[in-house]
Amino acid sequence: MFKFLLIVALPIACLLFFIYQQDKVRPEPKVKLLVCFALGMAAGMVGGFIQLVFSWFGIGVGYDTIFYADFLCEVVVSAVCVSLCYLVLWKHSTQNPDFDEFTDGPVYMVCIAFGYEMLCSLDLLFSDEWSAVSLVSIFVIAVMYLVAITMGYYYSLAFFGKMEMTTGNKVKMWIIPFAILCTFNLLVDFCNQVLLGQIILFIISGGIVYVTYLKHKAIFAKLHHLEEEKAAAAKAASVPDDHPQAEDVPQLPGSRRH
């Protein structure tokens, strides 16, 4: 229990509090964020069931199988994760009046993705083994954060009309977070097969944490800028135009309209 809280629950709780602070103008109702977290856990049950099905055939992390079989399992689970997280956000945002800011996409998506990850990490709760593999879960959380803010960013752009929903953009919205998840899982599987793999994995994971930090800064800088533009446009539209139109300006006798 203590290991699970230390490796999974505590980092997730800290990052959820951190992402909540990014919604500076109108923070989302905490109840709705908790609902998203719960829906993410429900989606995680689907991913967990798929992993269970693969385990029946001896495929997955912790099984002595060929590399490609393990990676196939990770590809399927990653595809399901991205698809279900988008589905939950879509269902939750379409009739949600509080979903009214560009930053709301990443905020809600992080709650959904971490609910998904929390459910998928429950196996650590029943594990007594303290290993480097289990410690990688910390870096998995960083990867999930990177995936979530990327997905939320694209979703906000599409939702508020800043990105056309062409086929190419739809593919990009799905394939980029999917590629991030698959690449990390590929690295984990590969490093487990080579000498000094855990050392290599921790070096790579440290780089991922740094990249996640840079991506977070870039995404929220862009979203806050778009929010400021939206607020300025709304303010300009609300200012009444007191200047008379040219055709309403009285003309002096003999003068010409320019």
Protein backbone atom coordinates (compact mmCIF):
# COMPACT_ATOMS: atom_id res chain seq x y z
CA MET A 1 0.00 0.00 0.00
CA PHE A 2 2.76 2.48 0.96
CA LYS A 3 4.67 1.80 -2.25
CA PHE A 4 1.54 2.35 -4.35
CA LEU A 5 0.86 5.66 -2.61
CA LEU A 6 4.46 6.76 -3.03
CA ILE A 7 4.92 5.71 -6.67
CA VAL A 8 1.49 6.37 -8.16
CA ALA A 9 -1.02 8.16 -5.94
CA LEU A 10 1.21 10.92 -4.56
CA PRO A 11 2.70 12.08 -7.91
CA ILE A 12 -0.77 11.98 -9.50
CA ALA A 13 -2.27 14.00 -6.64
CA CYS A 14 0.52 16.59 -6.91
CA LEU A 15 0.14 16.92 -10.68
CA LEU A 16 -3.66 17.18 -10.42
CA PHE A 17 -3.26 20.04 -7.95
CA PHE A 18 -0.66 21.62 -10.24
CA ILE A 19 -2.84 21.42 -13.37
CA TYR A 20 -5.78 22.87 -11.41
CA GLN A 21 -3.67 25.96 -10.69
CA GLN A 22 -3.14 26.54 -14.42
CA ASP A 23 -6.81 27.44 -14.88
CA LYS A 24 -6.27 30.93 -13.54
CA VAL A 25 -9.30 32.88 -14.77
CA ARG A 26 -12.27 30.64 -13.93
CA PRO A 27 -11.18 27.45 -12.14
CA GLU A 28 -13.31 24.43 -12.96
CA PRO A 29 -15.73 23.02 -10.35
CA LYS A 30 -13.84 20.41 -8.37
CA VAL A 31 -16.79 18.03 -8.56
CA LYS A 32 -16.63 17.96 -12.36
CA LEU A 33 -12.90 17.27 -12.27
CA LEU A 34 -13.50 14.40 -9.87
CA VAL A 35 -16.18 13.08 -12.24
CA CYS A 36 -13.63 13.17 -15.08
CA PHE A 37 -11.13 11.31 -12.89
CA ALA A 38 -13.76 8.65 -12.13
CA LEU A 39 -14.68 8.35 -15.81
CA GLY A 40 -10.98 7.94 -16.59
CA MET A 41 -10.82 5.08 -14.11
CA ALA A 42 -13.85 3.52 -15.78
CA ALA A 43 -12.06 3.78 -19.13
CA GLY A 44 -9.01 2.24 -17.47
CA MET A 45 -11.06 -0.85 -16.71
CA VAL A 46 -11.31 -1.45 -20.45
CA GLY A 47 -7.53 -1.10 -20.85
CA GLY A 48 -6.99 -3.36 -17.86
CA PHE A 49 -9.32 -5.99 -19.31
CA ILE A 50 -7.40 -5.94 -22.60
CA GLN A 51 -4.14 -6.46 -20.73
CA LEU A 52 -5.79 -9.32 -18.85
CA VAL A 53 -6.83 -10.96 -22.13
CA PHE A 54 -3.26 -10.73 -23.42
CA SER A 55 -1.98 -12.19 -20.13
CA TRP A 56 -4.16 -15.28 -20.71
CA PHE A 57 -1.89 -15.96 -23.68
CA GLY A 58 1.26 -15.17 -21.71
CA ILE A 59 1.78 -11.82 -23.43
CA GLY A 60 2.59 -8.59 -21.66
CA VAL A 61 5.02 -6.95 -19.27
CA GLY A 62 6.47 -9.50 -16.85
CA TYR A 63 6.04 -12.47 -19.20
CA ASP A 64 8.87 -14.29 -20.92
CA THR A 65 7.65 -13.73 -24.46
CA ILE A 66 9.13 -12.38 -27.65
CA PHE A 67 9.65 -8.63 -27.85
CA TYR A 68 7.18 -8.07 -30.69
CA ALA A 69 4.34 -9.84 -28.85
CA ASP A 70 4.81 -7.61 -25.81
CA PHE A 71 4.93 -4.51 -27.96
CA LEU A 72 1.75 -5.55 -29.79
CA CYS A 73 -0.01 -5.61 -26.43
CA GLU A 74 1.28 -2.11 -25.63
CA VAL A 75 0.19 -0.81 -29.05
CA VAL A 76 -3.36 -2.06 -28.58
CA VAL A 77 -3.60 -0.73 -25.02
CA SER A 78 -2.16 2.66 -26.08
CA ALA A 79 -4.66 2.94 -28.92
CA VAL A 80 -7.52 2.13 -26.56
CA CYS A 81 -6.22 4.62 -23.98
CA VAL A 82 -6.06 7.55 -26.43
CA SER A 83 -9.42 6.74 -28.01
CA LEU A 84 -11.28 6.33 -24.71
CA CYS A 85 -9.77 9.47 -23.17
CA TYR A 86 -10.87 11.53 -26.19
CA LEU A 87 -14.32 9.94 -26.00
CA VAL A 88 -14.72 10.79 -22.31
CA LEU A 89 -13.61 14.40 -22.87
CA TRP A 90 -15.94 14.78 -25.85
CA LYS A 91 -18.93 13.47 -23.91
CA HIS A 92 -18.07 15.61 -20.89
CA SER A 93 -17.46 18.86 -22.78
CA THR A 94 -20.31 19.00 -25.29
CA GLN A 95 -22.97 19.80 -22.68
CA ASN A 96 -20.76 21.37 -20.03
CA PRO A 97 -21.23 25.17 -19.69
CA ASP A 98 -18.05 25.35 -17.62
CA PHE A 99 -15.99 24.17 -20.58
CA ASP A 100 -15.48 27.71 -21.84
CA GLU A 101 -11.72 28.37 -21.81
CA PHE A 102 -8.83 27.15 -23.93
CA THR A 103 -7.06 25.84 -20.83
CA ASP A 104 -10.04 23.64 -19.95
CA GLY A 105 -9.03 20.99 -22.49
CA PRO A 106 -5.72 20.07 -20.83
CA VAL A 107 -7.17 20.44 -17.32
CA TYR A 108 -10.01 18.00 -17.94
CA MET A 109 -7.87 15.64 -20.01
CA VAL A 110 -5.19 15.35 -17.30
CA CYS A 111 -7.90 14.33 -14.82
CA ILE A 112 -9.22 11.72 -17.27
CA ALA A 113 -5.79 10.35 -18.18
CA PHE A 114 -4.66 10.11 -14.55
CA GLY A 115 -7.85 8.30 -13.63
CA TYR A 116 -7.02 5.86 -16.41
CA GLU A 117 -3.43 5.48 -15.20
CA MET A 118 -4.47 5.07 -11.56
CA LEU A 119 -6.73 2.15 -12.44
CA CYS A 120 -4.10 0.53 -14.68
CA SER A 121 -1.50 0.82 -11.88
CA LEU A 122 -3.56 -0.95 -9.24
CA ASP A 123 -1.43 -4.08 -9.67
CA LEU A 124 1.30 -2.28 -7.68
CA LEU A 125 -1.09 -2.18 -4.73
CA PHE A 126 -0.83 -5.95 -4.40
CA SER A 127 2.86 -6.23 -5.21
CA ASP A 128 5.54 -6.58 -2.53
CA GLU A 129 8.42 -6.34 -4.97
CA TRP A 130 10.34 -3.06 -4.96
CA SER A 131 12.09 -3.05 -8.30
CA ALA A 132 13.41 -0.65 -10.90
CA VAL A 133 10.55 -1.72 -13.15
CA SER A 134 7.97 -0.54 -10.61
CA LEU A 135 9.85 2.72 -10.12
CA VAL A 136 9.46 3.35 -13.86
CA SER A 137 5.80 3.99 -13.00
CA ILE A 138 6.89 7.45 -11.85
CA PHE A 139 8.12 8.20 -15.36
CA VAL A 140 5.00 6.65 -16.86
CA ILE A 141 3.02 9.29 -14.98
CA ALA A 142 5.20 11.99 -16.57
CA VAL A 143 4.55 10.46 -20.00
CA MET A 144 0.80 10.34 -19.30
CA TYR A 145 0.92 14.02 -18.32
CA LEU A 146 2.69 14.85 -21.57
CA VAL A 147 0.13 12.85 -23.56
CA ALA A 148 -2.79 14.42 -21.68
CA ILE A 149 -1.78 18.05 -22.14
CA THR A 150 -1.05 17.37 -25.81
CA MET A 151 -4.48 15.78 -26.32
CA GLY A 152 -6.20 18.54 -24.34
CA TYR A 153 -4.38 21.20 -26.34
CA TYR A 154 -5.53 19.81 -29.68
CA TYR A 155 -9.04 19.26 -28.38
CA SER A 156 -9.34 22.88 -27.18
CA LEU A 157 -8.10 24.20 -30.52
CA ALA A 158 -10.70 22.11 -32.33
CA PHE A 159 -13.51 22.81 -29.83
CA PHE A 160 -13.10 26.59 -30.00
CA GLY A 161 -12.61 26.70 -33.76
CA LYS A 162 -8.88 27.43 -33.86
CA MET A 163 -8.14 24.25 -35.80
CA GLU A 164 -10.19 22.96 -38.71
CA MET A 165 -11.38 19.41 -38.25
CA THR A 166 -9.97 18.11 -41.51
CA THR A 167 -9.06 14.46 -41.88
CA GLY A 168 -5.38 15.34 -41.54
CA ASN A 169 -5.92 17.23 -38.28
CA LYS A 170 -8.08 14.44 -36.87
CA VAL A 171 -5.32 11.96 -37.62
CA LYS A 172 -2.74 14.27 -36.03
CA MET A 173 -4.85 14.68 -32.89
CA TRP A 174 -4.90 10.92 -32.45
CA ILE A 175 -1.56 9.76 -33.82
CA ILE A 176 0.74 12.15 -31.90
CA PRO A 177 -0.30 11.12 -28.35
CA PHE A 178 -0.54 7.51 -29.52
CA ALA A 179 3.02 7.72 -30.89
CA ILE A 180 4.30 9.18 -27.59
CA LEU A 181 2.79 6.32 -25.59
CA CYS A 182 4.00 3.65 -28.00
CA THR A 183 7.51 5.09 -28.19
CA PHE A 184 7.88 5.10 -24.42
CA ASN A 185 6.50 1.56 -24.15
CA LEU A 186 8.89 0.45 -26.89
CA LEU A 187 11.80 1.93 -24.95
CA VAL A 188 10.68 0.20 -21.75
CA ASP A 189 10.38 -3.17 -23.50
CA PHE A 190 13.70 -2.72 -25.30
CA CYS A 191 15.61 -1.67 -22.17
CA ASN A 192 14.28 -4.71 -20.33
CA GLN A 193 15.98 -6.88 -22.97
CA VAL A 194 19.50 -5.40 -22.88
CA LEU A 195 22.38 -5.19 -20.42
CA LEU A 196 22.31 -2.02 -18.31
CA GLY A 197 18.81 -1.45 -19.69
CA GLN A 198 17.47 0.01 -16.44
CA ILE A 199 20.22 2.63 -16.38
CA ILE A 200 19.50 3.56 -19.98
CA LEU A 201 15.79 3.71 -19.20
CA PHE A 202 16.24 6.05 -16.27
CA ILE A 203 18.42 8.39 -18.36
CA ILE A 204 15.81 8.43 -21.13
CA SER A 205 13.01 8.90 -18.61
CA GLY A 206 14.79 11.88 -17.09
CA GLY A 207 14.91 13.40 -20.56
CA ILE A 208 11.19 12.75 -20.96
CA VAL A 209 10.47 14.60 -17.72
CA TYR A 210 12.42 17.62 -19.05
CA VAL A 211 10.63 17.49 -22.40
CA THR A 212 7.30 17.31 -20.56
CA TYR A 213 8.22 20.44 -18.62
CA LEU A 214 9.11 22.34 -21.80
CA LYS A 215 5.95 21.14 -23.56
CA HIS A 216 3.82 22.23 -20.62
CA LYS A 217 5.28 25.74 -20.73
CA ALA A 218 4.78 26.03 -24.50
CA ILE A 219 1.21 24.71 -24.49
CA PHE A 220 -0.07 26.84 -21.65
CA ALA A 221 1.69 29.95 -22.95
CA LYS A 222 -0.14 29.44 -26.26
CA LEU A 223 -3.49 28.72 -24.59
CA HIS A 224 -3.26 31.70 -22.25
CA HIS A 225 -2.44 33.89 -25.25
CA LEU A 226 -5.49 32.59 -27.12
CA GLU A 227 -7.63 33.21 -24.03
CA GLU A 228 -6.41 36.79 -23.85
CA GLU A 229 -7.23 37.27 -27.53
CA LYS A 230 -10.72 35.86 -26.98
CA ALA A 231 -11.30 38.14 -23.99
CA ALA A 232 -10.09 41.18 -25.94
CA ALA A 233 -12.38 40.33 -28.88
CA ALA A 234 -15.36 39.89 -26.54
CA LYS A 235 -14.62 43.20 -24.86
CA ALA A 236 -14.34 44.98 -28.21
CA ALA A 237 -17.63 43.47 -29.38
CA SER A 238 -19.42 44.63 -26.23
CA VAL A 239 -18.39 48.29 -26.65
CA PRO A 240 -21.27 50.21 -28.35
CA ASP A 241 -20.40 52.10 -31.49
CA ASP A 242 -21.44 55.71 -30.79
CA HIS A 243 -20.08 57.05 -34.07
CA PRO A 244 -22.82 57.74 -36.63
CA GLN A 245 -22.60 56.10 -40.00
CA ALA A 246 -21.52 58.23 -42.95
CA GLU A 247 -24.98 58.26 -44.47
CA ASP A 248 -26.48 59.53 -41.20
CA VAL A 249 -24.16 62.55 -40.86
CA PRO A 250 -26.06 65.74 -41.72
CA GLN A 251 -24.51 67.58 -44.66
CA LEU A 252 -24.17 71.37 -44.99
CA PRO A 253 -25.75 72.96 -48.08
CA GLY A 254 -23.35 72.86 -50.98
CA SER A 255 -20.99 70.37 -49.36
CA ARG A 256 -20.03 67.08 -51.00
CA ARG A 257 -19.97 63.67 -49.29
CA HIS A 258 -16.52 62.13 -49.32
